[in-house]
N, C-alpha and C. Protein backbone atom coordinates (compact mmCIF):
# COMPACT_ATOMS: atom_id res chain seq x y z
N UNK A 1 0.86 -1.18 0.00
CA UNK A 1 0.00 0.00 0.00
C UNK A 1 0.90 1.24 0.00
N UNK A 2 0.50 2.23 -0.76
CA UNK A 2 1.29 3.46 -0.88
C UNK A 2 1.30 4.25 0.42
N UNK A 3 2.44 4.83 0.75
CA UNK A 3 2.60 5.60 1.99
C UNK A 3 1.68 6.82 2.03
N UNK A 4 1.35 7.35 0.86
CA UNK A 4 0.46 8.52 0.83
C UNK A 4 -0.94 8.15 1.31
N UNK A 5 -1.36 6.91 1.05
CA UNK A 5 -2.66 6.47 1.56
C UNK A 5 -2.61 6.27 3.07
N UNK A 6 -1.48 5.80 3.57
CA UNK A 6 -1.34 5.67 5.02
C UNK A 6 -1.50 7.05 5.66
N UNK A 7 -0.84 8.05 5.08
CA UNK A 7 -0.95 9.41 5.60
C UNK A 7 -2.39 9.93 5.46
N UNK A 8 -3.03 9.65 4.33
CA UNK A 8 -4.42 10.06 4.13
C UNK A 8 -5.33 9.41 5.17
N UNK A 9 -5.15 8.13 5.40
CA UNK A 9 -6.00 7.43 6.37
C UNK A 9 -5.80 8.00 7.77
N UNK A 10 -4.56 8.30 8.11
CA UNK A 10 -4.29 8.90 9.41
C UNK A 10 -4.95 10.27 9.50
N UNK A 11 -4.87 11.06 8.44
CA UNK A 11 -5.50 12.38 8.43
C UNK A 11 -7.03 12.27 8.53
N UNK A 12 -7.61 11.30 7.85
CA UNK A 12 -9.06 11.08 7.95
C UNK A 12 -9.44 10.75 9.39
N UNK A 13 -8.69 9.85 10.00
CA UNK A 13 -8.99 9.45 11.38
C UNK A 13 -8.82 10.64 12.33
N UNK A 14 -7.75 11.42 12.16
CA UNK A 14 -7.53 12.58 13.02
C UNK A 14 -8.63 13.62 12.84
N UNK A 15 -9.02 13.88 11.60
CA UNK A 15 -10.07 14.85 11.33
C UNK A 15 -11.40 14.40 11.93
N UNK A 16 -11.65 13.10 11.90
CA UNK A 16 -12.88 12.58 12.48
C UNK A 16 -12.85 12.69 14.00
N UNK A 17 -11.68 12.54 14.60
CA UNK A 17 -11.54 12.76 16.05
C UNK A 17 -11.92 14.21 16.37
N UNK A 18 -11.40 15.13 15.59
CA UNK A 18 -11.69 16.56 15.82
C UNK A 18 -13.17 16.83 15.64
N UNK A 19 -13.75 16.28 14.59
CA UNK A 19 -15.18 16.48 14.32
C UNK A 19 -16.03 15.91 15.45
N UNK A 20 -15.71 14.71 15.89
CA UNK A 20 -16.47 14.09 16.98
C UNK A 20 -16.32 14.89 18.27
N UNK A 21 -15.13 15.45 18.49
CA UNK A 21 -14.91 16.28 19.68
C UNK A 21 -15.78 17.53 19.64
N UNK A 22 -15.93 18.11 18.45
CA UNK A 22 -16.80 19.28 18.30
C UNK A 22 -18.25 18.91 18.58
N UNK A 23 -18.66 17.76 18.10
CA UNK A 23 -20.03 17.29 18.35
C UNK A 23 -20.22 17.03 19.85
N UNK A 24 -19.20 16.50 20.50
CA UNK A 24 -19.27 16.30 21.94
C UNK A 24 -19.51 17.62 22.66
N UNK A 25 -18.73 18.64 22.29
CA UNK A 25 -18.88 19.96 22.92
C UNK A 25 -20.29 20.50 22.70
N UNK A 26 -20.80 20.35 21.49
CA UNK A 26 -22.15 20.83 21.16
C UNK A 26 -23.19 20.09 22.01
N UNK A 27 -23.07 18.77 22.07
CA UNK A 27 -24.04 17.97 22.83
C UNK A 27 -23.96 18.27 24.32
N UNK A 28 -22.75 18.49 24.82
CA UNK A 28 -22.57 18.83 26.23
C UNK A 28 -23.27 20.16 26.51
N UNK A 29 -23.07 21.12 25.61
CA UNK A 29 -23.68 22.45 25.77
C UNK A 29 -25.20 22.38 25.73
N UNK A 30 -25.74 21.49 24.91
CA UNK A 30 -27.19 21.36 24.76
C UNK A 30 -27.80 20.40 25.79
N UNK A 31 -26.95 19.75 26.58
CA UNK A 31 -27.46 18.82 27.59
C UNK A 31 -27.95 17.51 26.99
N UNK A 32 -27.47 17.16 25.81
CA UNK A 32 -27.88 15.93 25.13
C UNK A 32 -26.94 14.79 25.54
N UNK A 33 -27.31 14.07 26.59
CA UNK A 33 -26.45 13.02 27.13
C UNK A 33 -26.26 11.87 26.16
N UNK A 34 -27.32 11.46 25.47
CA UNK A 34 -27.22 10.35 24.50
C UNK A 34 -26.30 10.76 23.34
N UNK A 35 -26.49 11.97 22.84
CA UNK A 35 -25.63 12.46 21.77
C UNK A 35 -24.18 12.57 22.21
N UNK A 36 -23.98 13.03 23.44
CA UNK A 36 -22.63 13.14 24.00
C UNK A 36 -21.98 11.77 24.10
N UNK A 37 -22.75 10.80 24.55
CA UNK A 37 -22.22 9.44 24.67
C UNK A 37 -21.82 8.88 23.31
N UNK A 38 -22.67 9.07 22.32
CA UNK A 38 -22.39 8.59 20.96
C UNK A 38 -21.15 9.26 20.38
N UNK A 39 -21.08 10.59 20.51
CA UNK A 39 -19.94 11.33 19.99
C UNK A 39 -18.65 10.95 20.71
N UNK A 40 -18.74 10.69 22.01
CA UNK A 40 -17.56 10.29 22.78
C UNK A 40 -17.05 8.92 22.30
N UNK A 41 -17.97 8.00 22.07
CA UNK A 41 -17.58 6.69 21.56
C UNK A 41 -16.91 6.82 20.19
N UNK A 42 -17.48 7.66 19.35
CA UNK A 42 -16.90 7.87 18.02
C UNK A 42 -15.50 8.49 18.13
N UNK A 43 -15.38 9.49 18.97
CA UNK A 43 -14.08 10.14 19.15
C UNK A 43 -13.04 9.14 19.63
N UNK A 44 -13.40 8.36 20.64
CA UNK A 44 -12.48 7.38 21.20
C UNK A 44 -12.11 6.31 20.17
N UNK A 45 -13.10 5.86 19.41
CA UNK A 45 -12.88 4.84 18.39
C UNK A 45 -11.89 5.34 17.33
N UNK A 46 -12.08 6.57 16.90
CA UNK A 46 -11.18 7.11 15.87
C UNK A 46 -9.82 7.48 16.45
N UNK A 47 -9.76 7.86 17.72
CA UNK A 47 -8.45 8.10 18.33
C UNK A 47 -7.67 6.80 18.43
N UNK A 48 -8.36 5.72 18.75
CA UNK A 48 -7.71 4.41 18.77
C UNK A 48 -7.18 4.04 17.38
N UNK A 49 -7.95 4.36 16.35
CA UNK A 49 -7.51 4.10 14.98
C UNK A 49 -6.28 4.92 14.64
N UNK A 50 -6.26 6.18 15.05
CA UNK A 50 -5.07 7.02 14.85
C UNK A 50 -3.87 6.35 15.50
N UNK A 51 -4.04 5.88 16.73
CA UNK A 51 -2.95 5.23 17.46
C UNK A 51 -2.45 3.99 16.73
N UNK A 52 -3.37 3.19 16.19
CA UNK A 52 -2.99 1.98 15.45
C UNK A 52 -2.19 2.36 14.20
N UNK A 53 -2.67 3.36 13.47
CA UNK A 53 -1.98 3.77 12.24
C UNK A 53 -0.59 4.32 12.57
N UNK A 54 -0.51 5.15 13.60
CA UNK A 54 0.79 5.71 13.98
C UNK A 54 1.75 4.63 14.44
N UNK A 55 1.25 3.64 15.16
CA UNK A 55 2.11 2.55 15.64
C UNK A 55 2.66 1.72 14.48
N UNK A 56 1.84 1.51 13.46
CA UNK A 56 2.27 0.71 12.30
C UNK A 56 3.16 1.52 11.36
N UNK A 57 3.00 2.84 11.39
CA UNK A 57 3.81 3.68 10.50
C UNK A 57 3.51 3.41 9.04
N UNK A 58 4.56 3.42 8.23
CA UNK A 58 4.39 3.23 6.78
C UNK A 58 3.93 1.83 6.41
N UNK A 59 3.97 0.91 7.36
CA UNK A 59 3.55 -0.47 7.11
C UNK A 59 2.06 -0.69 7.37
N UNK A 60 1.34 0.37 7.70
CA UNK A 60 -0.09 0.22 8.02
C UNK A 60 -0.88 -0.26 6.80
N UNK A 61 -1.71 -1.25 7.04
CA UNK A 61 -2.69 -1.74 6.05
C UNK A 61 -3.97 -1.97 6.85
N UNK A 62 -5.07 -1.33 6.44
CA UNK A 62 -6.30 -1.47 7.25
C UNK A 62 -6.90 -2.86 7.21
N UNK A 63 -7.39 -3.27 8.36
CA UNK A 63 -8.20 -4.49 8.44
C UNK A 63 -9.60 -4.13 7.94
N UNK A 64 -10.46 -5.12 7.82
CA UNK A 64 -11.83 -4.84 7.36
C UNK A 64 -12.56 -3.91 8.32
N UNK A 65 -12.49 -4.14 9.66
CA UNK A 65 -13.17 -3.20 10.56
C UNK A 65 -12.57 -1.79 10.51
N UNK A 66 -11.25 -1.70 10.33
CA UNK A 66 -10.62 -0.39 10.21
C UNK A 66 -11.04 0.30 8.91
N UNK A 67 -11.15 -0.49 7.83
CA UNK A 67 -11.61 0.07 6.56
C UNK A 67 -13.04 0.60 6.71
N UNK A 68 -13.86 -0.10 7.49
CA UNK A 68 -15.24 0.36 7.73
C UNK A 68 -15.23 1.68 8.49
N UNK A 69 -14.35 1.80 9.49
CA UNK A 69 -14.26 3.07 10.23
C UNK A 69 -13.75 4.19 9.33
N UNK A 70 -12.76 3.86 8.49
CA UNK A 70 -12.24 4.87 7.56
C UNK A 70 -13.31 5.29 6.55
N UNK A 71 -14.17 4.35 6.18
CA UNK A 71 -15.28 4.68 5.28
C UNK A 71 -16.22 5.68 5.95
N UNK A 72 -16.56 5.42 7.20
CA UNK A 72 -17.42 6.35 7.95
C UNK A 72 -16.74 7.71 8.05
N UNK A 73 -15.47 7.72 8.42
CA UNK A 73 -14.73 8.97 8.52
C UNK A 73 -14.67 9.71 7.20
N UNK A 74 -14.51 8.98 6.11
CA UNK A 74 -14.48 9.60 4.78
C UNK A 74 -15.82 10.25 4.44
N UNK A 75 -16.91 9.57 4.78
CA UNK A 75 -18.24 10.16 4.56
C UNK A 75 -18.41 11.43 5.39
N UNK A 76 -17.99 11.38 6.65
CA UNK A 76 -18.10 12.55 7.53
C UNK A 76 -17.32 13.72 6.94
N UNK A 77 -16.07 13.46 6.54
CA UNK A 77 -15.23 14.54 6.00
C UNK A 77 -15.77 15.07 4.68
N UNK A 78 -16.22 14.17 3.80
CA UNK A 78 -16.77 14.60 2.50
C UNK A 78 -18.02 15.46 2.71
N UNK A 79 -18.88 15.06 3.65
CA UNK A 79 -20.08 15.85 3.92
C UNK A 79 -19.74 17.21 4.51
N UNK A 80 -18.76 17.25 5.39
CA UNK A 80 -18.35 18.54 5.97
C UNK A 80 -17.75 19.45 4.90
N UNK A 81 -16.93 18.89 4.01
CA UNK A 81 -16.37 19.69 2.92
C UNK A 81 -17.48 20.19 2.00
N UNK A 82 -18.44 19.33 1.72
CA UNK A 82 -19.56 19.75 0.87
C UNK A 82 -20.35 20.88 1.52
N UNK A 83 -20.56 20.81 2.83
CA UNK A 83 -21.26 21.88 3.54
C UNK A 83 -20.47 23.19 3.47
N UNK A 84 -19.15 23.09 3.59
CA UNK A 84 -18.31 24.30 3.49
C UNK A 84 -18.38 24.89 2.09
N UNK A 85 -18.36 24.03 1.07
CA UNK A 85 -18.46 24.51 -0.31
C UNK A 85 -19.79 25.23 -0.52
N UNK A 86 -20.87 24.66 -0.01
CA UNK A 86 -22.18 25.31 -0.13
C UNK A 86 -22.18 26.68 0.54
N UNK A 87 -21.59 26.76 1.73
CA UNK A 87 -21.53 28.05 2.45
C UNK A 87 -20.69 29.06 1.69
N UNK A 88 -19.57 28.61 1.14
CA UNK A 88 -18.72 29.52 0.36
C UNK A 88 -19.44 29.98 -0.89
N UNK A 89 -20.12 29.06 -1.58
CA UNK A 89 -20.86 29.44 -2.78
C UNK A 89 -21.99 30.42 -2.46
N UNK A 90 -22.62 30.24 -1.32
CA UNK A 90 -23.67 31.16 -0.89
C UNK A 90 -23.08 32.55 -0.64
N UNK A 91 -21.91 32.60 -0.02
CA UNK A 91 -21.25 33.89 0.23
C UNK A 91 -20.86 34.55 -1.08
N UNK A 92 -20.32 33.78 -2.01
CA UNK A 92 -19.93 34.33 -3.32
C UNK A 92 -21.15 34.89 -4.03
N UNK A 93 -22.24 34.16 -4.00
CA UNK A 93 -23.48 34.63 -4.63
C UNK A 93 -23.94 35.92 -3.97
N UNK A 94 -23.84 36.00 -2.66
CA UNK A 94 -24.22 37.22 -1.95
C UNK A 94 -23.40 38.42 -2.39
N UNK A 95 -22.10 38.22 -2.54
CA UNK A 95 -21.25 39.31 -3.02
C UNK A 95 -21.63 39.71 -4.44
N UNK A 96 -21.73 38.71 -5.33
CA UNK A 96 -21.98 39.00 -6.75
C UNK A 96 -23.37 39.58 -6.99
N UNK A 97 -24.38 39.07 -6.30
CA UNK A 97 -25.75 39.46 -6.58
C UNK A 97 -26.27 40.60 -5.72
N UNK A 98 -25.61 40.88 -4.60
CA UNK A 98 -26.12 41.88 -3.68
C UNK A 98 -25.12 43.00 -3.43
N UNK A 99 -24.03 42.67 -2.76
CA UNK A 99 -23.09 43.70 -2.29
C UNK A 99 -22.41 44.44 -3.44
N UNK A 100 -21.83 43.71 -4.36
CA UNK A 100 -21.08 44.34 -5.45
C UNK A 100 -21.96 45.25 -6.31
N UNK A 101 -23.12 44.80 -6.77
CA UNK A 101 -23.95 45.70 -7.59
C UNK A 101 -24.37 46.98 -6.85
N UNK A 102 -24.67 46.85 -5.58
CA UNK A 102 -25.08 48.03 -4.81
C UNK A 102 -23.92 48.99 -4.62
N UNK A 103 -22.75 48.46 -4.30
CA UNK A 103 -21.58 49.34 -4.16
C UNK A 103 -21.22 49.98 -5.49
N UNK A 104 -21.33 49.20 -6.57
CA UNK A 104 -21.03 49.75 -7.90
C UNK A 104 -21.99 50.88 -8.24
N UNK A 105 -23.25 50.72 -7.88
CA UNK A 105 -24.25 51.76 -8.16
C UNK A 105 -23.91 53.02 -7.36
N UNK A 106 -23.51 52.87 -6.11
CA UNK A 106 -23.12 54.04 -5.31
C UNK A 106 -21.93 54.73 -5.95
N UNK A 107 -20.92 53.96 -6.33
CA UNK A 107 -19.72 54.53 -6.95
C UNK A 107 -20.08 55.26 -8.25
N UNK A 108 -20.91 54.63 -9.07
CA UNK A 108 -21.25 55.21 -10.38
C UNK A 108 -22.15 56.42 -10.27
N UNK A 109 -23.14 56.37 -9.40
CA UNK A 109 -24.15 57.42 -9.35
C UNK A 109 -23.85 58.56 -8.38
N UNK A 110 -23.17 58.25 -7.28
CA UNK A 110 -22.93 59.29 -6.28
C UNK A 110 -21.71 60.14 -6.63
N UNK A 111 -20.78 59.54 -7.33
CA UNK A 111 -19.57 60.30 -7.66
C UNK A 111 -18.91 60.83 -6.39
N UNK A 112 -18.69 62.14 -6.35
CA UNK A 112 -18.05 62.75 -5.17
C UNK A 112 -19.07 63.31 -4.18
N UNK A 113 -20.34 63.07 -4.43
CA UNK A 113 -21.39 63.57 -3.55
C UNK A 113 -21.53 62.62 -2.35
N UNK A 114 -20.85 62.96 -1.25
CA UNK A 114 -20.84 62.10 -0.07
C UNK A 114 -22.23 61.93 0.54
N UNK A 115 -23.00 62.98 0.53
CA UNK A 115 -24.35 62.91 1.10
C UNK A 115 -25.20 61.91 0.30
N UNK A 116 -25.09 61.95 -1.02
CA UNK A 116 -25.84 61.01 -1.86
C UNK A 116 -25.34 59.58 -1.63
N UNK A 117 -24.03 59.41 -1.52
CA UNK A 117 -23.47 58.08 -1.28
C UNK A 117 -24.00 57.50 0.03
N UNK A 118 -24.04 58.32 1.08
CA UNK A 118 -24.55 57.85 2.37
C UNK A 118 -26.04 57.54 2.30
N UNK A 119 -26.77 58.39 1.58
CA UNK A 119 -28.22 58.17 1.43
C UNK A 119 -28.47 56.84 0.72
N UNK A 120 -27.74 56.63 -0.36
CA UNK A 120 -27.90 55.38 -1.11
C UNK A 120 -27.51 54.17 -0.25
N UNK A 121 -26.41 54.29 0.47
CA UNK A 121 -25.97 53.19 1.32
C UNK A 121 -27.03 52.86 2.37
N UNK A 122 -27.62 53.89 2.97
CA UNK A 122 -28.67 53.67 3.97
C UNK A 122 -29.90 53.01 3.36
N UNK A 123 -30.17 53.27 2.09
CA UNK A 123 -31.30 52.64 1.41
C UNK A 123 -30.97 51.20 0.99
N UNK A 124 -29.76 51.01 0.48
CA UNK A 124 -29.38 49.70 -0.08
C UNK A 124 -29.06 48.65 0.98
N UNK A 125 -28.41 49.07 2.04
CA UNK A 125 -27.85 48.09 2.97
C UNK A 125 -28.71 47.98 4.22
N UNK A 126 -29.93 47.48 4.00
CA UNK A 126 -30.88 47.22 5.08
C UNK A 126 -31.27 45.75 4.98
N UNK A 127 -31.16 45.06 6.11
CA UNK A 127 -31.57 43.66 6.13
C UNK A 127 -32.99 43.60 6.62
N UNK A 128 -33.84 43.09 5.77
CA UNK A 128 -35.26 42.97 6.10
C UNK A 128 -35.48 41.70 6.91
N UNK A 129 -36.26 41.82 7.97
CA UNK A 129 -36.58 40.69 8.81
C UNK A 129 -37.38 39.68 8.02
N UNK A 130 -36.95 38.44 8.03
CA UNK A 130 -37.60 37.39 7.24
C UNK A 130 -38.71 36.66 8.00
N UNK A 131 -39.20 37.25 9.08
CA UNK A 131 -40.24 36.58 9.87
C UNK A 131 -41.58 36.70 9.22
């Protein structure tokens, strides 16, 4: 097995430990004991996997149960990356469709008239309550 996959598997396991730890903190904050227990088990399970991979070093080859854990970790990481991509795309759309056109209109129409620029900004940059 290629050493780069060993490193990838270790990174997947470590990232899943971090993710499970975050879920633990969230569940602790919300008082969700069952969720905390589940996240703690997941964190511990993946930390044990990290330890196994580190102990084996470049000679690591996953067993079937370890491959199953790495599969779960890969799904978790892929879903988190997908969520981040969606959030970034939403931000980009907000800039392109909202902020940039409004700022461009202020720049184009107000020129050096500061009072007009402020008036336009006060009109354009209002967040309407979505309730």
